[in-house]
Amino acid sequence: IEKSGRSGKTVTVLGGPGIRALTAERRDDLLASLKRKFAAGGAIVEDTIEIQGDVRDRAKFFLQMLGFDA
């Protein structure tokens, strides 16, 4: 979770070797799925995925269902 540099708004940052290993197209697809699943905005920043809000627990569960180590 980060708030720094975002006017106090919370974002959940997803990164790590599993996310970095994805191709740009797969990362875009994962971002789209996460945004639909959590009804939140999001973006890809460098090699990480940022989702608006505190969705840590739900994101962890969702990524584990997709086969990621979380």
PDB file of N, CA and C in Angstrom:
ATOM      1  N   ILE A   1       0.866  -1.178   0.000  1.00  0.00           N
ATOM      2  CA  ILE A   1       0.000   0.000   0.000  1.00  0.00           C
ATOM      3  C   ILE A   1       0.903   1.228   0.000  1.00  0.00           C
ATOM      4  N   GLU A   2       0.552   2.201  -0.797  1.00  0.00           N
ATOM      5  CA  GLU A   2       1.305   3.452  -0.841  1.00  0.00           C
ATOM      6  C   GLU A   2       0.337   4.624  -0.839  1.00  0.00           C
ATOM      7  N   LYS A   3       0.782   5.716  -0.246  1.00  0.00           N
ATOM      8  CA  LYS A   3       0.040   6.968  -0.275  1.00  0.00           C
ATOM      9  C   LYS A   3       0.930   8.111  -0.748  1.00  0.00           C
ATOM     10  N   SER A   4       2.220   7.900  -0.680  1.00  0.00           N
ATOM     11  CA  SER A   4       3.185   8.940  -0.966  1.00  0.00           C
ATOM     12  C   SER A   4       3.041   9.475  -2.391  1.00  0.00           C
ATOM     13  N   GLY A   5       2.941  10.786  -2.512  1.00  0.00           N
ATOM     14  CA  GLY A   5       2.884  11.429  -3.812  1.00  0.00           C
ATOM     15  C   GLY A   5       1.550  11.306  -4.511  1.00  0.00           C
ATOM     16  N   ARG A   6       0.509  10.934  -3.771  1.00  0.00           N
ATOM     17  CA  ARG A   6      -0.798  10.726  -4.393  1.00  0.00           C
ATOM     18  C   ARG A   6      -1.880  11.529  -3.688  1.00  0.00           C
ATOM     19  N   SER A   7      -1.526  12.626  -3.104  1.00  0.00           N
ATOM     20  CA  SER A   7      -2.472  13.501  -2.394  1.00  0.00           C
ATOM     21  C   SER A   7      -3.226  12.751  -1.301  1.00  0.00           C
ATOM     22  N   GLY A   8      -2.572  11.807  -0.647  1.00  0.00           N
ATOM     23  CA  GLY A   8      -3.185  11.076   0.455  1.00  0.00           C
ATOM     24  C   GLY A   8      -4.071   9.927   0.038  1.00  0.00           C
ATOM     25  N   LYS A   9      -4.205   9.678  -1.253  1.00  0.00           N
ATOM     26  CA  LYS A   9      -5.044   8.578  -1.723  1.00  0.00           C
ATOM     27  C   LYS A   9      -4.257   7.273  -1.676  1.00  0.00           C
ATOM     28  N   THR A  10      -4.946   6.208  -1.365  1.00  0.00           N
ATOM     29  CA  THR A  10      -4.316   4.907  -1.202  1.00  0.00           C
ATOM     30  C   THR A  10      -4.341   4.125  -2.506  1.00  0.00           C
ATOM     31  N   VAL A  11      -3.217   3.495  -2.820  1.00  0.00           N
ATOM     32  CA  VAL A  11      -3.151   2.570  -3.943  1.00  0.00           C
ATOM     33  C   VAL A  11      -2.478   1.291  -3.478  1.00  0.00           C
ATOM     34  N   THR A  12      -2.876   0.184  -4.057  1.00  0.00           N
ATOM     35  CA  THR A  12      -2.253  -1.100  -3.798  1.00  0.00           C
ATOM     36  C   THR A  12      -1.296  -1.371  -4.949  1.00  0.00           C
ATOM     37  N   VAL A  13      -0.034  -1.622  -4.624  1.00  0.00           N
ATOM     38  CA  VAL A  13       0.992  -1.844  -5.642  1.00  0.00           C
ATOM     39  C   VAL A  13       1.298  -3.337  -5.704  1.00  0.00           C
ATOM     40  N   LEU A  14       1.141  -3.905  -6.884  1.00  0.00           N
ATOM     41  CA  LEU A  14       1.426  -5.320  -7.107  1.00  0.00           C
ATOM     42  C   LEU A  14       2.682  -5.426  -7.952  1.00  0.00           C
ATOM     43  N   GLY A  15       3.660  -6.131  -7.442  1.00  0.00           N
ATOM     44  CA  GLY A  15       4.908  -6.284  -8.170  1.00  0.00           C
ATOM     45  C   GLY A  15       5.558  -7.596  -7.804  1.00  0.00           C
ATOM     46  N   GLY A  16       6.797  -7.725  -8.131  1.00  0.00           N
ATOM     47  CA  GLY A  16       7.528  -8.938  -7.811  1.00  0.00           C
ATOM     48  C   GLY A  16       7.887  -9.699  -9.073  1.00  0.00           C
ATOM     49  N   PRO A  17       8.590 -10.808  -8.887  1.00  0.00           N
ATOM     50  CA  PRO A  17       9.077 -11.556 -10.044  1.00  0.00           C
ATOM     51  C   PRO A  17       7.955 -12.107 -10.924  1.00  0.00           C
ATOM     52  N   GLY A  18       6.838 -12.488 -10.341  1.00  0.00           N
ATOM     53  CA  GLY A  18       5.733 -13.020 -11.134  1.00  0.00           C
ATOM     54  C   GLY A  18       5.133 -11.983 -12.059  1.00  0.00           C
ATOM     55  N   ILE A  19       4.982 -10.767 -11.569  1.00  0.00           N
ATOM     56  CA  ILE A  19       4.423  -9.683 -12.380  1.00  0.00           C
ATOM     57  C   ILE A  19       5.446  -9.217 -13.414  1.00  0.00           C
ATOM     58  N   ARG A  20       6.697  -9.097 -13.004  1.00  0.00           N
ATOM     59  CA  ARG A  20       7.744  -8.643 -13.930  1.00  0.00           C
ATOM     60  C   ARG A  20       7.971  -9.635 -15.061  1.00  0.00           C
ATOM     61  N   ALA A  21       7.738 -10.922 -14.815  1.00  0.00           N
ATOM     62  CA  ALA A  21       7.982 -11.946 -15.836  1.00  0.00           C
ATOM     63  C   ALA A  21       6.921 -11.939 -16.933  1.00  0.00           C
ATOM     64  N   LEU A  22       5.792 -11.284 -16.699  1.00  0.00           N
ATOM     65  CA  LEU A  22       4.730 -11.249 -17.692  1.00  0.00           C
ATOM     66  C   LEU A  22       5.110 -10.344 -18.861  1.00  0.00           C
ATOM     67  N   THR A  23       4.614 -10.691 -20.027  1.00  0.00           N
ATOM     68  CA  THR A  23       4.799  -9.811 -21.173  1.00  0.00           C
ATOM     69  C   THR A  23       3.912  -8.582 -20.977  1.00  0.00           C
ATOM     70  N   ALA A  24       4.168  -7.553 -21.737  1.00  0.00           N
ATOM     71  CA  ALA A  24       3.387  -6.321 -21.614  1.00  0.00           C
ATOM     72  C   ALA A  24       1.906  -6.584 -21.891  1.00  0.00           C
ATOM     73  N   GLU A  25       1.623  -7.432 -22.861  1.00  0.00           N
ATOM     74  CA  GLU A  25       0.234  -7.747 -23.203  1.00  0.00           C
ATOM     75  C   GLU A  25      -0.460  -8.498 -22.068  1.00  0.00           C
ATOM     76  N   ARG A  26       0.229  -9.476 -21.477  1.00  0.00           N
ATOM     77  CA  ARG A  26      -0.344 -10.231 -20.353  1.00  0.00           C
ATOM     78  C   ARG A  26      -0.546  -9.328 -19.137  1.00  0.00           C
ATOM     79  N   ARG A  27       0.394  -8.398 -18.920  1.00  0.00           N
ATOM     80  CA  ARG A  27       0.264  -7.463 -17.809  1.00  0.00           C
ATOM     81  C   ARG A  27      -0.952  -6.564 -18.016  1.00  0.00           C
ATOM     82  N   ASP A  28      -1.175  -6.117 -19.250  1.00  0.00           N
ATOM     83  CA  ASP A  28      -2.355  -5.313 -19.567  1.00  0.00           C
ATOM     84  C   ASP A  28      -3.642  -6.101 -19.316  1.00  0.00           C
ATOM     85  N   ASP A  29      -3.657  -7.371 -19.713  1.00  0.00           N
ATOM     86  CA  ASP A  29      -4.833  -8.213 -19.492  1.00  0.00           C
ATOM     87  C   ASP A  29      -5.098  -8.416 -18.004  1.00  0.00           C
ATOM     88  N   LEU A  30      -4.036  -8.629 -17.229  1.00  0.00           N
ATOM     89  CA  LEU A  30      -4.194  -8.797 -15.785  1.00  0.00           C
ATOM     90  C   LEU A  30      -4.722  -7.521 -15.154  1.00  0.00           C
ATOM     91  N   LEU A  31      -4.208  -6.381 -15.572  1.00  0.00           N
ATOM     92  CA  LEU A  31      -4.693  -5.101 -15.058  1.00  0.00           C
ATOM     93  C   LEU A  31      -6.180  -4.928 -15.361  1.00  0.00           C
ATOM     94  N   ALA A  32      -6.582  -5.234 -16.578  1.00  0.00           N
ATOM     95  CA  ALA A  32      -7.992  -5.105 -16.951  1.00  0.00           C
ATOM     96  C   ALA A  32      -8.865  -6.011 -16.099  1.00  0.00           C
ATOM     97  N   SER A  33      -8.410  -7.224 -15.848  1.00  0.00           N
ATOM     98  CA  SER A  33      -9.168  -8.163 -15.006  1.00  0.00           C
ATOM     99  C   SER A  33      -9.295  -7.647 -13.577  1.00  0.00           C
ATOM    100  N   LEU A  34      -8.202  -7.130 -13.047  1.00  0.00           N
ATOM    101  CA  LEU A  34      -8.219  -6.601 -11.677  1.00  0.00           C
ATOM    102  C   LEU A  34      -9.144  -5.391 -11.576  1.00  0.00           C
ATOM    103  N   LYS A  35      -9.100  -4.517 -12.546  1.00  0.00           N
ATOM    104  CA  LYS A  35      -9.948  -3.327 -12.525  1.00  0.00           C
ATOM    105  C   LYS A  35     -11.422  -3.708 -12.579  1.00  0.00           C
ATOM    106  N   ARG A  36     -11.761  -4.688 -13.416  1.00  0.00           N
ATOM    107  CA  ARG A  36     -13.156  -5.149 -13.478  1.00  0.00           C
ATOM    108  C   ARG A  36     -13.563  -5.830 -12.179  1.00  0.00           C
ATOM    109  N   LYS A  37     -12.698  -6.683 -11.663  1.00  0.00           N
ATOM    110  CA  LYS A  37     -13.004  -7.465 -10.456  1.00  0.00           C
ATOM    111  C   LYS A  37     -13.245  -6.564  -9.250  1.00  0.00           C
ATOM    112  N   PHE A  38     -12.436  -5.522  -9.095  1.00  0.00           N
ATOM    113  CA  PHE A  38     -12.509  -4.664  -7.912  1.00  0.00           C
ATOM    114  C   PHE A  38     -13.228  -3.350  -8.163  1.00  0.00           C
ATOM    115  N   ALA A  39     -13.725  -3.140  -9.365  1.00  0.00           N
ATOM    116  CA  ALA A  39     -14.425  -1.892  -9.712  1.00  0.00           C
ATOM    117  C   ALA A  39     -13.605  -0.681  -9.290  1.00  0.00           C
ATOM    118  N   ALA A  40     -12.341  -0.704  -9.701  1.00  0.00           N
ATOM    119  CA  ALA A  40     -11.412   0.358  -9.319  1.00  0.00           C
ATOM    120  C   ALA A  40     -10.566   0.742 -10.526  1.00  0.00           C
ATOM    121  N   GLY A  41      -9.975   1.902 -10.434  1.00  0.00           N
ATOM    122  CA  GLY A  41      -9.045   2.334 -11.458  1.00  0.00           C
ATOM    123  C   GLY A  41      -7.686   1.701 -11.220  1.00  0.00           C
ATOM    124  N   GLY A  42      -6.844   1.813 -12.193  1.00  0.00           N
ATOM    125  CA  GLY A  42      -5.513   1.258 -12.032  1.00  0.00           C
ATOM    126  C   GLY A  42      -4.638   1.628 -13.206  1.00  0.00           C
ATOM    127  N   ALA A  43      -3.357   1.345 -13.055  1.00  0.00           N
ATOM    128  CA  ALA A  43      -2.388   1.663 -14.105  1.00  0.00           C
ATOM    129  C   ALA A  43      -1.175   0.769 -13.961  1.00  0.00           C
ATOM    130  N   ILE A  44      -0.416   0.689 -15.038  1.00  0.00           N
ATOM    131  CA  ILE A  44       0.863   0.003 -15.005  1.00  0.00           C
ATOM    132  C   ILE A  44       1.931   1.075 -14.936  1.00  0.00           C
ATOM    133  N   VAL A  45       2.742   1.016 -13.897  1.00  0.00           N
ATOM    134  CA  VAL A  45       3.818   1.979 -13.691  1.00  0.00           C
ATOM    135  C   VAL A  45       5.112   1.184 -13.608  1.00  0.00           C
ATOM    136  N   GLU A  46       5.970   1.399 -14.588  1.00  0.00           N
ATOM    137  CA  GLU A  46       7.209   0.645 -14.744  1.00  0.00           C
ATOM    138  C   GLU A  46       6.854  -0.839 -14.809  1.00  0.00           C
ATOM    139  N   ASP A  47       7.324  -1.659 -13.882  1.00  0.00           N
ATOM    140  CA  ASP A  47       7.018  -3.094 -13.898  1.00  0.00           C
ATOM    141  C   ASP A  47       6.046  -3.479 -12.799  1.00  0.00           C
ATOM    142  N   THR A  48       5.249  -2.538 -12.331  1.00  0.00           N
ATOM    143  CA  THR A  48       4.284  -2.841 -11.280  1.00  0.00           C
ATOM    144  C   THR A  48       2.881  -2.469 -11.742  1.00  0.00           C
ATOM    145  N   ILE A  49       1.901  -3.058 -11.066  1.00  0.00           N
ATOM    146  CA  ILE A  49       0.504  -2.736 -11.310  1.00  0.00           C
ATOM    147  C   ILE A  49      -0.012  -1.996 -10.096  1.00  0.00           C
ATOM    148  N   GLU A  50      -0.647  -0.854 -10.313  1.00  0.00           N
ATOM    149  CA  GLU A  50      -1.221  -0.076  -9.215  1.00  0.00           C
ATOM    150  C   GLU A  50      -2.738  -0.072  -9.353  1.00  0.00           C
ATOM    151  N   ILE A  51      -3.419  -0.447  -8.270  1.00  0.00           N
ATOM    152  CA  ILE A  51      -4.874  -0.467  -8.229  1.00  0.00           C
ATOM    153  C   ILE A  51      -5.308   0.540  -7.169  1.00  0.00           C
ATOM    154  N   GLN A  52      -6.290   1.352  -7.482  1.00  0.00           N
ATOM    155  CA  GLN A  52      -6.762   2.355  -6.538  1.00  0.00           C
ATOM    156  C   GLN A  52      -7.455   1.694  -5.358  1.00  0.00           C
ATOM    157  N   GLY A  53      -7.149   2.186  -4.176  1.00  0.00           N
ATOM    158  CA  GLY A  53      -7.778   1.694  -2.954  1.00  0.00           C
ATOM    159  C   GLY A  53      -6.963   0.606  -2.279  1.00  0.00           C
ATOM    160  N   ASP A  54      -7.439   0.190  -1.127  1.00  0.00           N
ATOM    161  CA  ASP A  54      -6.797  -0.863  -0.346  1.00  0.00           C
ATOM    162  C   ASP A  54      -7.482  -2.182  -0.679  1.00  0.00           C
ATOM    163  N   VAL A  55      -6.924  -2.901  -1.630  1.00  0.00           N
ATOM    164  CA  VAL A  55      -7.501  -4.174  -2.055  1.00  0.00           C
ATOM    165  C   VAL A  55      -6.515  -5.321  -1.825  1.00  0.00           C
ATOM    166  N   ARG A  56      -5.680  -5.192  -0.820  1.00  0.00           N
ATOM    167  CA  ARG A  56      -4.620  -6.172  -0.581  1.00  0.00           C
ATOM    168  C   ARG A  56      -5.134  -7.596  -0.451  1.00  0.00           C
ATOM    169  N   ASP A  57      -6.091  -7.817   0.446  1.00  0.00           N
ATOM    170  CA  ASP A  57      -6.568  -9.177   0.702  1.00  0.00           C
ATOM    171  C   ASP A  57      -7.254  -9.764  -0.513  1.00  0.00           C
ATOM    172  N   ARG A  58      -8.107  -8.981  -1.157  1.00  0.00           N
ATOM    173  CA  ARG A  58      -8.819  -9.476  -2.338  1.00  0.00           C
ATOM    174  C   ARG A  58      -7.863  -9.721  -3.492  1.00  0.00           C
ATOM    175  N   ALA A  59      -6.875  -8.826  -3.662  1.00  0.00           N
ATOM    176  CA  ALA A  59      -5.904  -8.997  -4.743  1.00  0.00           C
ATOM    177  C   ALA A  59      -5.045 -10.236  -4.510  1.00  0.00           C
ATOM    178  N   LYS A  60      -4.653 -10.463  -3.276  1.00  0.00           N
ATOM    179  CA  LYS A  60      -3.843 -11.639  -2.951  1.00  0.00           C
ATOM    180  C   LYS A  60      -4.616 -12.911  -3.286  1.00  0.00           C
ATOM    181  N   PHE A  61      -5.867 -12.982  -2.868  1.00  0.00           N
ATOM    182  CA  PHE A  61      -6.697 -14.148  -3.138  1.00  0.00           C
ATOM    183  C   PHE A  61      -6.870 -14.356  -4.644  1.00  0.00           C
ATOM    184  N   PHE A  62      -7.163 -13.283  -5.374  1.00  0.00           N
ATOM    185  CA  PHE A  62      -7.373 -13.355  -6.816  1.00  0.00           C
ATOM    186  C   PHE A  62      -6.103 -13.831  -7.522  1.00  0.00           C
ATOM    187  N   LEU A  63      -4.960 -13.284  -7.142  1.00  0.00           N
ATOM    188  CA  LEU A  63      -3.696 -13.676  -7.776  1.00  0.00           C
ATOM    189  C   LEU A  63      -3.346 -15.126  -7.456  1.00  0.00           C
ATOM    190  N   GLN A  64      -3.635 -15.578  -6.243  1.00  0.00           N
ATOM    191  CA  GLN A  64      -3.377 -16.970  -5.891  1.00  0.00           C
ATOM    192  C   GLN A  64      -4.256 -17.906  -6.719  1.00  0.00           C
ATOM    193  N   MET A  65      -5.486 -17.493  -6.988  1.00  0.00           N
ATOM    194  CA  MET A  65      -6.370 -18.313  -7.820  1.00  0.00           C
ATOM    195  C   MET A  65      -5.854 -18.417  -9.246  1.00  0.00           C
ATOM    196  N   LEU A  66      -5.131 -17.391  -9.688  1.00  0.00           N
ATOM    197  CA  LEU A  66      -4.556 -17.403 -11.039  1.00  0.00           C
ATOM    198  C   LEU A  66      -3.210 -18.124 -11.086  1.00  0.00           C
ATOM    199  N   GLY A  67      -2.709 -18.569  -9.926  1.00  0.00           N
ATOM    200  CA  GLY A  67      -1.466 -19.330  -9.899  1.00  0.00           C
ATOM    201  C   GLY A  67      -0.231 -18.546  -9.535  1.00  0.00           C
ATOM    202  N   PHE A  68      -0.381 -17.293  -9.132  1.00  0.00           N
ATOM    203  CA  PHE A  68       0.761 -16.490  -8.695  1.00  0.00           C
ATOM    204  C   PHE A  68       1.094 -16.801  -7.238  1.00  0.00           C
ATOM    205  N   ASP A  69       2.367 -16.669  -6.883  1.00  0.00           N
ATOM    206  CA  ASP A  69       2.771 -16.751  -5.474  1.00  0.00           C
ATOM    207  C   ASP A  69       2.497 -15.398  -4.837  1.00  0.00           C
ATOM    208  N   ALA A  70       1.666 -15.403  -3.825  1.00  0.00           N
ATOM    209  CA  ALA A  70       1.347 -14.140  -3.173  1.00  0.00           C
ATOM    210  C   ALA A  70       1.394 -14.319  -1.666  1.00  0.00           C
TER     211      ALA A  70
END
